[in-house]
Amino acid sequence: MTDLEYLEHAEALLARVEACCDRINEETDADIDNQRVGGMITLSFEDRSQIIVNLQKPLQEVWLAARAGGFHYRFDGQRWRDTKGEGEFFADLTRYASQQAGQPLAFSS
């Protein structure tokens, strides 16, 4: 994948995370504060915990840091897959955000 292709897919992922946060805030009482600075989004929860999604351009990866740990994802042509496991970015973000919010949330591509 070229650097330009990576950036297109990675920017689409970040935009989708932001859109999901907006939808979740409208439809639930989760109250997720999301702030984007360049290639990084910080999701802040009511209990003051955070999830950080960060682009790693030199590696063509997206990193996710949550209470559960740090995870690296690489685009496989269709989805962002965990580089060390079988996880998919949006499924993992759903799981970790739900844990930190204390209620079921849904993030999707």
PDB file of N, CA and C in Angstrom:
ATOM      1  N   MET A   1       0.854  -1.169   0.000  1.00  0.00           N
ATOM      2  CA  MET A   1       0.000   0.000   0.000  1.00  0.00           C
ATOM      3  C   MET A   1       0.903   1.236   0.000  1.00  0.00           C
ATOM      4  N   THR A   2       0.521   2.197  -0.796  1.00  0.00           N
ATOM      5  CA  THR A   2       1.299   3.431  -0.841  1.00  0.00           C
ATOM      6  C   THR A   2       0.979   4.284   0.397  1.00  0.00           C
ATOM      7  N   ASP A   3       1.820   5.275   0.645  1.00  0.00           N
ATOM      8  CA  ASP A   3       1.572   6.175   1.763  1.00  0.00           C
ATOM      9  C   ASP A   3       0.259   6.932   1.580  1.00  0.00           C
ATOM     10  N   LEU A   4      -0.043   7.320   0.361  1.00  0.00           N
ATOM     11  CA  LEU A   4      -1.285   8.030   0.083  1.00  0.00           C
ATOM     12  C   LEU A   4      -2.498   7.142   0.358  1.00  0.00           C
ATOM     13  N   GLU A   5      -2.437   5.886  -0.046  1.00  0.00           N
ATOM     14  CA  GLU A   5      -3.533   4.944   0.218  1.00  0.00           C
ATOM     15  C   GLU A   5      -3.707   4.738   1.722  1.00  0.00           C
ATOM     16  N   TYR A   6      -2.597   4.590   2.429  1.00  0.00           N
ATOM     17  CA  TYR A   6      -2.666   4.452   3.887  1.00  0.00           C
ATOM     18  C   TYR A   6      -3.379   5.651   4.499  1.00  0.00           C
ATOM     19  N   LEU A   7      -2.960   6.855   4.106  1.00  0.00           N
ATOM     20  CA  LEU A   7      -3.554   8.062   4.683  1.00  0.00           C
ATOM     21  C   LEU A   7      -5.049   8.160   4.382  1.00  0.00           C
ATOM     22  N   GLU A   8      -5.456   7.777   3.186  1.00  0.00           N
ATOM     23  CA  GLU A   8      -6.883   7.798   2.844  1.00  0.00           C
ATOM     24  C   GLU A   8      -7.670   6.871   3.763  1.00  0.00           C
ATOM     25  N   HIS A   9      -7.193   5.645   3.937  1.00  0.00           N
ATOM     26  CA  HIS A   9      -7.881   4.670   4.793  1.00  0.00           C
ATOM     27  C   HIS A   9      -7.820   5.077   6.273  1.00  0.00           C
ATOM     28  N   ALA A  10      -6.675   5.573   6.708  1.00  0.00           N
ATOM     29  CA  ALA A  10      -6.511   5.962   8.108  1.00  0.00           C
ATOM     30  C   ALA A  10      -7.366   7.186   8.443  1.00  0.00           C
ATOM     31  N   GLU A  11      -7.406   8.177   7.558  1.00  0.00           N
ATOM     32  CA  GLU A  11      -8.241   9.355   7.793  1.00  0.00           C
ATOM     33  C   GLU A  11      -9.722   8.973   7.802  1.00  0.00           C
ATOM     34  N   ALA A  12     -10.119   8.034   6.961  1.00  0.00           N
ATOM     35  CA  ALA A  12     -11.505   7.558   6.965  1.00  0.00           C
ATOM     36  C   ALA A  12     -11.832   6.877   8.290  1.00  0.00           C
ATOM     37  N   LEU A  13     -10.878   6.118   8.839  1.00  0.00           N
ATOM     38  CA  LEU A  13     -11.079   5.475  10.136  1.00  0.00           C
ATOM     39  C   LEU A  13     -11.282   6.529  11.226  1.00  0.00           C
ATOM     40  N   LEU A  14     -10.436   7.546  11.260  1.00  0.00           N
ATOM     41  CA  LEU A  14     -10.567   8.585  12.277  1.00  0.00           C
ATOM     42  C   LEU A  14     -11.901   9.324  12.145  1.00  0.00           C
ATOM     43  N   ALA A  15     -12.299   9.629  10.920  1.00  0.00           N
ATOM     44  CA  ALA A  15     -13.582  10.305  10.701  1.00  0.00           C
ATOM     45  C   ALA A  15     -14.738   9.429  11.173  1.00  0.00           C
ATOM     46  N   ARG A  16     -14.621   8.125  10.962  1.00  0.00           N
ATOM     47  CA  ARG A  16     -15.673   7.209  11.393  1.00  0.00           C
ATOM     48  C   ARG A  16     -15.740   7.127  12.920  1.00  0.00           C
ATOM     49  N   VAL A  17     -14.590   7.119  13.581  1.00  0.00           N
ATOM     50  CA  VAL A  17     -14.571   7.116  15.052  1.00  0.00           C
ATOM     51  C   VAL A  17     -15.282   8.361  15.568  1.00  0.00           C
ATOM     52  N   GLU A  18     -14.978   9.519  14.977  1.00  0.00           N
ATOM     53  CA  GLU A  18     -15.636  10.760  15.396  1.00  0.00           C
ATOM     54  C   GLU A  18     -17.144  10.697  15.165  1.00  0.00           C
ATOM     55  N   ALA A  19     -17.560  10.208  14.018  1.00  0.00           N
ATOM     56  CA  ALA A  19     -18.992  10.098  13.706  1.00  0.00           C
ATOM     57  C   ALA A  19     -19.690   9.142  14.673  1.00  0.00           C
ATOM     58  N   CYS A  20     -19.037   8.040  15.013  1.00  0.00           N
ATOM     59  CA  CYS A  20     -19.614   7.089  15.969  1.00  0.00           C
ATOM     60  C   CYS A  20     -19.766   7.729  17.343  1.00  0.00           C
ATOM     61  N   CYS A  21     -18.780   8.513  17.771  1.00  0.00           N
ATOM     62  CA  CYS A  21     -18.883   9.206  19.058  1.00  0.00           C
ATOM     63  C   CYS A  21     -20.065  10.163  19.052  1.00  0.00           C
ATOM     64  N   ASP A  22     -20.241  10.900  17.973  1.00  0.00           N
ATOM     65  CA  ASP A  22     -21.375  11.828  17.877  1.00  0.00           C
ATOM     66  C   ASP A  22     -22.693  11.073  17.981  1.00  0.00           C
ATOM     67  N   ARG A  23     -22.791   9.953  17.261  1.00  0.00           N
ATOM     68  CA  ARG A  23     -24.018   9.150  17.296  1.00  0.00           C
ATOM     69  C   ARG A  23     -24.261   8.585  18.689  1.00  0.00           C
ATOM     70  N   ILE A  24     -23.222   8.050  19.306  1.00  0.00           N
ATOM     71  CA  ILE A  24     -23.350   7.483  20.655  1.00  0.00           C
ATOM     72  C   ILE A  24     -23.808   8.557  21.646  1.00  0.00           C
ATOM     73  N   ASN A  25     -23.248   9.763  21.541  1.00  0.00           N
ATOM     74  CA  ASN A  25     -23.634  10.840  22.448  1.00  0.00           C
ATOM     75  C   ASN A  25     -25.081  11.273  22.236  1.00  0.00           C
ATOM     76  N   GLU A  26     -25.566  11.178  21.003  1.00  0.00           N
ATOM     77  CA  GLU A  26     -26.955  11.529  20.719  1.00  0.00           C
ATOM     78  C   GLU A  26     -27.928  10.450  21.201  1.00  0.00           C
ATOM     79  N   GLU A  27     -27.521   9.190  21.091  1.00  0.00           N
ATOM     80  CA  GLU A  27     -28.434   8.076  21.349  1.00  0.00           C
ATOM     81  C   GLU A  27     -28.339   7.488  22.756  1.00  0.00           C
ATOM     82  N   THR A  28     -27.279   7.795  23.493  1.00  0.00           N
ATOM     83  CA  THR A  28     -27.098   7.211  24.824  1.00  0.00           C
ATOM     84  C   THR A  28     -26.723   8.316  25.812  1.00  0.00           C
ATOM     85  N   ASP A  29     -26.551   7.935  27.053  1.00  0.00           N
ATOM     86  CA  ASP A  29     -26.072   8.894  28.049  1.00  0.00           C
ATOM     87  C   ASP A  29     -24.592   8.665  28.379  1.00  0.00           C
ATOM     88  N   ALA A  30     -23.860   8.054  27.434  1.00  0.00           N
ATOM     89  CA  ALA A  30     -22.448   7.729  27.663  1.00  0.00           C
ATOM     90  C   ALA A  30     -21.582   8.981  27.812  1.00  0.00           C
ATOM     91  N   ASP A  31     -21.900  10.064  27.105  1.00  0.00           N
ATOM     92  CA  ASP A  31     -21.164  11.324  27.189  1.00  0.00           C
ATOM     93  C   ASP A  31     -19.662  11.138  26.970  1.00  0.00           C
ATOM     94  N   ILE A  32     -19.311  10.693  25.779  1.00  0.00           N
ATOM     95  CA  ILE A  32     -17.901  10.537  25.406  1.00  0.00           C
ATOM     96  C   ILE A  32     -17.406  11.856  24.823  1.00  0.00           C
ATOM     97  N   ASP A  33     -16.388  12.417  25.431  1.00  0.00           N
ATOM     98  CA  ASP A  33     -15.752  13.616  24.893  1.00  0.00           C
ATOM     99  C   ASP A  33     -14.673  13.148  23.933  1.00  0.00           C
ATOM    100  N   ASN A  34     -14.754  13.588  22.669  1.00  0.00           N
ATOM    101  CA  ASN A  34     -13.710  13.190  21.720  1.00  0.00           C
ATOM    102  C   ASN A  34     -13.038  14.440  21.169  1.00  0.00           C
ATOM    103  N   GLN A  35     -11.721  14.417  21.221  1.00  0.00           N
ATOM    104  CA  GLN A  35     -10.930  15.529  20.724  1.00  0.00           C
ATOM    105  C   GLN A  35      -9.909  15.001  19.729  1.00  0.00           C
ATOM    106  N   ARG A  36      -9.844  15.689  18.592  1.00  0.00           N
ATOM    107  CA  ARG A  36      -8.877  15.298  17.576  1.00  0.00           C
ATOM    108  C   ARG A  36      -7.826  16.381  17.421  1.00  0.00           C
ATOM    109  N   VAL A  37      -6.581  15.931  17.434  1.00  0.00           N
ATOM    110  CA  VAL A  37      -5.455  16.802  17.161  1.00  0.00           C
ATOM    111  C   VAL A  37      -4.606  16.080  16.124  1.00  0.00           C
ATOM    112  N   GLY A  38      -4.591  16.596  14.903  1.00  0.00           N
ATOM    113  CA  GLY A  38      -3.842  15.957  13.825  1.00  0.00           C
ATOM    114  C   GLY A  38      -4.299  14.531  13.611  1.00  0.00           C
ATOM    115  N   GLY A  39      -3.381  13.586  13.709  1.00  0.00           N
ATOM    116  CA  GLY A  39      -3.679  12.171  13.504  1.00  0.00           C
ATOM    117  C   GLY A  39      -3.985  11.412  14.771  1.00  0.00           C
ATOM    118  N   MET A  40      -4.507  12.118  15.782  1.00  0.00           N
ATOM    119  CA  MET A  40      -4.801  11.457  17.057  1.00  0.00           C
ATOM    120  C   MET A  40      -6.167  11.902  17.573  1.00  0.00           C
ATOM    121  N   ILE A  41      -6.941  10.918  18.044  1.00  0.00           N
ATOM    122  CA  ILE A  41      -8.220  11.200  18.701  1.00  0.00           C
ATOM    123  C   ILE A  41      -8.133  10.668  20.126  1.00  0.00           C
ATOM    124  N   THR A  42      -8.553  11.495  21.074  1.00  0.00           N
ATOM    125  CA  THR A  42      -8.639  11.086  22.468  1.00  0.00           C
ATOM    126  C   THR A  42     -10.109  11.019  22.856  1.00  0.00           C
ATOM    127  N   LEU A  43     -10.542   9.848  23.299  1.00  0.00           N
ATOM    128  CA  LEU A  43     -11.895   9.662  23.801  1.00  0.00           C
ATOM    129  C   LEU A  43     -11.808   9.681  25.323  1.00  0.00           C
ATOM    130  N   SER A  44     -12.552  10.567  25.954  1.00  0.00           N
ATOM    131  CA  SER A  44     -12.547  10.678  27.415  1.00  0.00           C
ATOM    132  C   SER A  44     -13.921  10.291  27.940  1.00  0.00           C
ATOM    133  N   PHE A  45     -13.922   9.464  28.979  1.00  0.00           N
ATOM    134  CA  PHE A  45     -15.151   8.933  29.551  1.00  0.00           C
ATOM    135  C   PHE A  45     -15.448   9.609  30.885  1.00  0.00           C
ATOM    136  N   GLU A  46     -16.673   9.421  31.377  1.00  0.00           N
ATOM    137  CA  GLU A  46     -17.109  10.072  32.613  1.00  0.00           C
ATOM    138  C   GLU A  46     -16.212   9.748  33.801  1.00  0.00           C
ATOM    139  N   ASP A  47     -15.642   8.543  33.829  1.00  0.00           N
ATOM    140  CA  ASP A  47     -14.776   8.159  34.949  1.00  0.00           C
ATOM    141  C   ASP A  47     -13.346   8.671  34.778  1.00  0.00           C
ATOM    142  N   ARG A  48     -13.145   9.539  33.795  1.00  0.00           N
ATOM    143  CA  ARG A  48     -11.856  10.162  33.466  1.00  0.00           C
ATOM    144  C   ARG A  48     -10.864   9.225  32.784  1.00  0.00           C
ATOM    145  N   SER A  49     -11.283   8.029  32.450  1.00  0.00           N
ATOM    146  CA  SER A  49     -10.405   7.153  31.675  1.00  0.00           C
ATOM    147  C   SER A  49     -10.426   7.615  30.218  1.00  0.00           C
ATOM    148  N   GLN A  50      -9.437   7.171  29.476  1.00  0.00           N
ATOM    149  CA  GLN A  50      -9.323   7.590  28.081  1.00  0.00           C
ATOM    150  C   GLN A  50      -8.994   6.411  27.180  1.00  0.00           C
ATOM    151  N   ILE A  51      -9.353   6.577  25.920  1.00  0.00           N
ATOM    152  CA  ILE A  51      -8.881   5.717  24.837  1.00  0.00           C
ATOM    153  C   ILE A  51      -8.265   6.651  23.815  1.00  0.00           C
ATOM    154  N   ILE A  52      -7.077   6.295  23.359  1.00  0.00           N
ATOM    155  CA  ILE A  52      -6.383   7.119  22.378  1.00  0.00           C
ATOM    156  C   ILE A  52      -6.191   6.308  21.106  1.00  0.00           C
ATOM    157  N   VAL A  53      -6.576   6.921  19.991  1.00  0.00           N
ATOM    158  CA  VAL A  53      -6.376   6.333  18.661  1.00  0.00           C
ATOM    159  C   VAL A  53      -5.391   7.242  17.950  1.00  0.00           C
ATOM    160  N   ASN A  54      -4.298   6.657  17.471  1.00  0.00           N
ATOM    161  CA  ASN A  54      -3.197   7.444  16.937  1.00  0.00           C
ATOM    162  C   ASN A  54      -2.679   6.825  15.646  1.00  0.00           C
ATOM    163  N   LEU A  55      -2.496   7.643  14.620  1.00  0.00           N
ATOM    164  CA  LEU A  55      -1.916   7.158  13.370  1.00  0.00           C
ATOM    165  C   LEU A  55      -0.406   7.035  13.518  1.00  0.00           C
ATOM    166  N   GLN A  56       0.129   5.954  13.012  1.00  0.00           N
ATOM    167  CA  GLN A  56       1.568   5.736  12.975  1.00  0.00           C
ATOM    168  C   GLN A  56       1.976   5.639  11.509  1.00  0.00           C
ATOM    169  N   LYS A  57       2.178   6.802  10.905  1.00  0.00           N
ATOM    170  CA  LYS A  57       2.405   6.888   9.466  1.00  0.00           C
ATOM    171  C   LYS A  57       3.624   6.104   8.984  1.00  0.00           C
ATOM    172  N   PRO A  58       4.774   6.176   9.661  1.00  0.00           N
ATOM    173  CA  PRO A  58       5.937   5.439   9.146  1.00  0.00           C
ATOM    174  C   PRO A  58       5.709   3.927   9.064  1.00  0.00           C
ATOM    175  N   LEU A  59       4.871   3.398   9.959  1.00  0.00           N
ATOM    176  CA  LEU A  59       4.595   1.961   9.984  1.00  0.00           C
ATOM    177  C   LEU A  59       3.318   1.595   9.239  1.00  0.00           C
ATOM    178  N   GLN A  60       2.593   2.601   8.773  1.00  0.00           N
ATOM    179  CA  GLN A  60       1.281   2.426   8.143  1.00  0.00           C
ATOM    180  C   GLN A  60       0.340   1.636   9.057  1.00  0.00           C
ATOM    181  N   GLU A  61       0.296   2.049  10.310  1.00  0.00           N
ATOM    182  CA  GLU A  61      -0.558   1.406  11.307  1.00  0.00           C
ATOM    183  C   GLU A  61      -1.406   2.449  12.018  1.00  0.00           C
ATOM    184  N   VAL A  62      -2.404   1.940  12.712  1.00  0.00           N
ATOM    185  CA  VAL A  62      -3.206   2.728  13.643  1.00  0.00           C
ATOM    186  C   VAL A  62      -3.024   2.075  15.000  1.00  0.00           C
ATOM    187  N   TRP A  63      -2.742   2.880  15.999  1.00  0.00           N
ATOM    188  CA  TRP A  63      -2.553   2.358  17.347  1.00  0.00           C
ATOM    189  C   TRP A  63      -3.742   2.758  18.202  1.00  0.00           C
ATOM    190  N   LEU A  64      -4.132   1.867  19.090  1.00  0.00           N
ATOM    191  CA  LEU A  64      -5.218   2.107  20.023  1.00  0.00           C
ATOM    192  C   LEU A  64      -4.690   1.818  21.424  1.00  0.00           C
ATOM    193  N   ALA A  65      -4.840   2.780  22.320  1.00  0.00           N
ATOM    194  CA  ALA A  65      -4.439   2.592  23.712  1.00  0.00           C
ATOM    195  C   ALA A  65      -5.678   2.726  24.583  1.00  0.00           C
ATOM    196  N   ALA A  66      -5.945   1.696  25.394  1.00  0.00           N
ATOM    197  CA  ALA A  66      -7.098   1.664  26.290  1.00  0.00           C
ATOM    198  C   ALA A  66      -6.639   1.078  27.617  1.00  0.00           C
ATOM    199  N   ARG A  67      -7.548   1.036  28.580  1.00  0.00           N
ATOM    200  CA  ARG A  67      -7.206   0.392  29.860  1.00  0.00           C
ATOM    201  C   ARG A  67      -6.733  -1.041  29.644  1.00  0.00           C
ATOM    202  N   ALA A  68      -7.290  -1.694  28.645  1.00  0.00           N
ATOM    203  CA  ALA A  68      -6.966  -3.100  28.371  1.00  0.00           C
ATOM    204  C   ALA A  68      -5.562  -3.276  27.805  1.00  0.00           C
ATOM    205  N   GLY A  69      -4.944  -2.201  27.333  1.00  0.00           N
ATOM    206  CA  GLY A  69      -3.600  -2.302  26.788  1.00  0.00           C
ATOM    207  C   GLY A  69      -3.449  -1.495  25.514  1.00  0.00           C
ATOM    208  N   GLY A  70      -2.331  -1.730  24.844  1.00  0.00           N
ATOM    209  CA  GLY A  70      -2.036  -1.055  23.585  1.00  0.00           C
ATOM    210  C   GLY A  70      -2.093  -2.045  22.432  1.00  0.00           C
ATOM    211  N   PHE A  71      -2.660  -1.616  21.307  1.00  0.00           N
ATOM    212  CA  PHE A  71      -2.888  -2.510  20.181  1.00  0.00           C
ATOM    213  C   PHE A  71      -2.519  -1.798  18.886  1.00  0.00           C
ATOM    214  N   HIS A  72      -1.975  -2.564  17.946  1.00  0.00           N
ATOM    215  CA  HIS A  72      -1.563  -2.034  16.645  1.00  0.00           C
ATOM    216  C   HIS A  72      -2.415  -2.703  15.579  1.00  0.00           C
ATOM    217  N   TYR A  73      -2.860  -1.888  14.599  1.00  0.00           N
ATOM    218  CA  TYR A  73      -3.722  -2.390  13.530  1.00  0.00           C
ATOM    219  C   TYR A  73      -3.141  -1.998  12.177  1.00  0.00           C
ATOM    220  N   ARG A  74      -3.267  -2.904  11.232  1.00  0.00           N
ATOM    221  CA  ARG A  74      -2.808  -2.663   9.865  1.00  0.00           C
ATOM    222  C   ARG A  74      -3.959  -2.986   8.914  1.00  0.00           C
ATOM    223  N   PHE A  75      -4.115  -2.156   7.890  1.00  0.00           N
ATOM    224  CA  PHE A  75      -5.196  -2.341   6.932  1.00  0.00           C
ATOM    225  C   PHE A  75      -4.885  -3.526   6.021  1.00  0.00           C
ATOM    226  N   ASP A  76      -5.843  -4.469   5.907  1.00  0.00           N
ATOM    227  CA  ASP A  76      -5.617  -5.668   5.092  1.00  0.00           C
ATOM    228  C   ASP A  76      -6.292  -5.584   3.719  1.00  0.00           C
ATOM    229  N   GLY A  77      -6.760  -4.417   3.356  1.00  0.00           N
ATOM    230  CA  GLY A  77      -7.466  -4.244   2.090  1.00  0.00           C
ATOM    231  C   GLY A  77      -8.962  -4.088   2.291  1.00  0.00           C
ATOM    232  N   GLN A  78      -9.450  -4.544   3.459  1.00  0.00           N
ATOM    233  CA  GLN A  78     -10.870  -4.411   3.779  1.00  0.00           C
ATOM    234  C   GLN A  78     -11.093  -3.869   5.190  1.00  0.00           C
ATOM    235  N   ARG A  79     -10.293  -4.324   6.127  1.00  0.00           N
ATOM    236  CA  ARG A  79     -10.472  -3.944   7.529  1.00  0.00           C
ATOM    237  C   ARG A  79      -9.123  -3.684   8.189  1.00  0.00           C
ATOM    238  N   TRP A  80      -9.198  -3.004   9.319  1.00  0.00           N
ATOM    239  CA  TRP A  80      -8.015  -2.784  10.140  1.00  0.00           C
ATOM    240  C   TRP A  80      -7.908  -3.948  11.118  1.00  0.00           C
ATOM    241  N   ARG A  81      -6.865  -4.763  10.959  1.00  0.00           N
ATOM    242  CA  ARG A  81      -6.666  -5.975  11.759  1.00  0.00           C
ATOM    243  C   ARG A  81      -5.519  -5.807  12.747  1.00  0.00           C
ATOM    244  N   ASP A  82      -5.697  -6.395  13.925  1.00  0.00           N
ATOM    245  CA  ASP A  82      -4.659  -6.404  14.955  1.00  0.00           C
ATOM    246  C   ASP A  82      -3.427  -7.114  14.402  1.00  0.00           C
ATOM    247  N   THR A  83      -2.268  -6.504  14.552  1.00  0.00           N
ATOM    248  CA  THR A  83      -1.048  -7.097  13.999  1.00  0.00           C
ATOM    249  C   THR A  83      -0.562  -8.306  14.785  1.00  0.00           C
ATOM    250  N   LYS A  84      -1.077  -8.501  16.011  1.00  0.00           N
ATOM    251  CA  LYS A  84      -0.620  -9.619  16.835  1.00  0.00           C
ATOM    252  C   LYS A  84      -1.729 -10.594  17.193  1.00  0.00           C
ATOM    253  N   GLY A  85      -2.875 -10.434  16.603  1.00  0.00           N
ATOM    254  CA  GLY A  85      -3.990 -11.301  16.953  1.00  0.00           C
ATOM    255  C   GLY A  85      -5.033 -11.334  15.864  1.00  0.00           C
ATOM    256  N   GLU A  86      -6.212 -11.718  16.264  1.00  0.00           N
ATOM    257  CA  GLU A  86      -7.305 -11.853  15.313  1.00  0.00           C
ATOM    258  C   GLU A  86      -8.290 -10.695  15.394  1.00  0.00           C
ATOM    259  N   GLY A  87      -8.000  -9.696  16.208  1.00  0.00           N
ATOM    260  CA  GLY A  87      -8.938  -8.609  16.434  1.00  0.00           C
ATOM    261  C   GLY A  87      -9.089  -7.681  15.245  1.00  0.00           C
ATOM    262  N   GLU A  88     -10.240  -7.040  15.197  1.00  0.00           N
ATOM    263  CA  GLU A  88     -10.545  -6.029  14.188  1.00  0.00           C
ATOM    264  C   GLU A  88     -10.757  -4.714  14.942  1.00  0.00           C
ATOM    265  N   PHE A  89     -10.301  -3.599  14.386  1.00  0.00           N
ATOM    266  CA  PHE A  89     -10.277  -2.322  15.085  1.00  0.00           C
ATOM    267  C   PHE A  89     -11.624  -1.944  15.687  1.00  0.00           C
ATOM    268  N   PHE A  90     -12.677  -1.886  14.892  1.00  0.00           N
ATOM    269  CA  PHE A  90     -13.961  -1.399  15.394  1.00  0.00           C
ATOM    270  C   PHE A  90     -14.585  -2.350  16.412  1.00  0.00           C
ATOM    271  N   ALA A  91     -14.389  -3.642  16.240  1.00  0.00           N
ATOM    272  CA  ALA A  91     -14.885  -4.604  17.245  1.00  0.00           C
ATOM    273  C   ALA A  91     -14.136  -4.411  18.558  1.00  0.00           C
ATOM    274  N   ASP A  92     -12.827  -4.217  18.476  1.00  0.00           N
ATOM    275  CA  ASP A  92     -12.035  -4.001  19.686  1.00  0.00           C
ATOM    276  C   ASP A  92     -12.385  -2.664  20.347  1.00  0.00           C
ATOM    277  N   LEU A  93     -12.531  -1.608  19.543  1.00  0.00           N
ATOM    278  CA  LEU A  93     -12.900  -0.307  20.102  1.00  0.00           C
ATOM    279  C   LEU A  93     -14.261  -0.394  20.786  1.00  0.00           C
ATOM    280  N   THR A  94     -15.191  -1.118  20.195  1.00  0.00           N
ATOM    281  CA  THR A  94     -16.507  -1.314  20.813  1.00  0.00           C
ATOM    282  C   THR A  94     -16.358  -1.971  22.180  1.00  0.00           C
ATOM    283  N   ARG A  95     -15.572  -3.024  22.245  1.00  0.00           N
ATOM    284  CA  ARG A  95     -15.371  -3.761  23.502  1.00  0.00           C
ATOM    285  C   ARG A  95     -14.728  -2.878  24.576  1.00  0.00           C
ATOM    286  N   TYR A  96     -13.639  -2.213  24.228  1.00  0.00           N
ATOM    287  CA  TYR A  96     -12.904  -1.430  25.217  1.00  0.00           C
ATOM    288  C   TYR A  96     -13.679  -0.182  25.639  1.00  0.00           C
ATOM    289  N   ALA A  97     -14.336   0.482  24.712  1.00  0.00           N
ATOM    290  CA  ALA A  97     -15.131   1.666  25.055  1.00  0.00           C
ATOM    291  C   ALA A  97     -16.322   1.272  25.922  1.00  0.00           C
ATOM    292  N   SER A  98     -16.937   0.139  25.635  1.00  0.00           N
ATOM    293  CA  SER A  98     -18.066  -0.333  26.455  1.00  0.00           C
ATOM    294  C   SER A  98     -17.603  -0.607  27.885  1.00  0.00           C
ATOM    295  N   GLN A  99     -16.427  -1.234  28.007  1.00  0.00           N
ATOM    296  CA  GLN A  99     -15.886  -1.504  29.339  1.00  0.00           C
ATOM    297  C   GLN A  99     -15.640  -0.200  30.095  1.00  0.00           C
ATOM    298  N   GLN A 100     -15.053   0.761  29.440  1.00  0.00           N
ATOM    299  CA  GLN A 100     -14.699   2.002  30.113  1.00  0.00           C
ATOM    300  C   GLN A 100     -15.903   2.906  30.364  1.00  0.00           C
ATOM    301  N   ALA A 101     -16.934   2.798  29.524  1.00  0.00           N
ATOM    302  CA  ALA A 101     -18.151   3.591  29.726  1.00  0.00           C
ATOM    303  C   ALA A 101     -19.098   2.937  30.704  1.00  0.00           C
ATOM    304  N   GLY A 102     -18.917   1.630  30.925  1.00  0.00           N
ATOM    305  CA  GLY A 102     -19.803   0.911  31.831  1.00  0.00           C
ATOM    306  C   GLY A 102     -21.180   0.626  31.239  1.00  0.00           C
ATOM    307  N   GLN A 103     -21.252   0.672  29.911  1.00  0.00           N
ATOM    308  CA  GLN A 103     -22.508   0.365  29.226  1.00  0.00           C
ATOM    309  C   GLN A 103     -22.186  -0.064  27.801  1.00  0.00           C
ATOM    310  N   PRO A 104     -23.085  -0.802  27.161  1.00  0.00           N
ATOM    311  CA  PRO A 104     -22.815  -1.253  25.799  1.00  0.00           C
ATOM    312  C   PRO A 104     -22.815  -0.090  24.812  1.00  0.00           C
ATOM    313  N   LEU A 105     -21.756   0.001  24.037  1.00  0.00           N
ATOM    314  CA  LEU A 105     -21.625   1.000  22.987  1.00  0.00           C
ATOM    315  C   LEU A 105     -21.327   0.288  21.684  1.00  0.00           C
ATOM    316  N   ALA A 106     -21.555   0.955  20.564  1.00  0.00           N
ATOM    317  CA  ALA A 106     -21.296   0.331  19.262  1.00  0.00           C
ATOM    318  C   ALA A 106     -20.539   1.273  18.359  1.00  0.00           C
ATOM    319  N   PHE A 107     -19.335   0.855  17.977  1.00  0.00           N
ATOM    320  CA  PHE A 107     -18.537   1.537  16.971  1.00  0.00           C
ATOM    321  C   PHE A 107     -18.510   0.636  15.746  1.00  0.00           C
ATOM    322  N   SER A 108     -18.681   1.208  14.579  1.00  0.00           N
ATOM    323  CA  SER A 108     -18.681   0.390  13.364  1.00  0.00           C
ATOM    324  C   SER A 108     -18.030   1.136  12.216  1.00  0.00           C
ATOM    325  N   SER A 109     -17.548   0.357  11.275  1.00  0.00           N
ATOM    326  CA  SER A 109     -16.938   0.959  10.095  1.00  0.00           C
ATOM    327  C   SER A 109     -18.041   1.369   9.162  1.00  0.00           C
TER     328      SER A 109
END
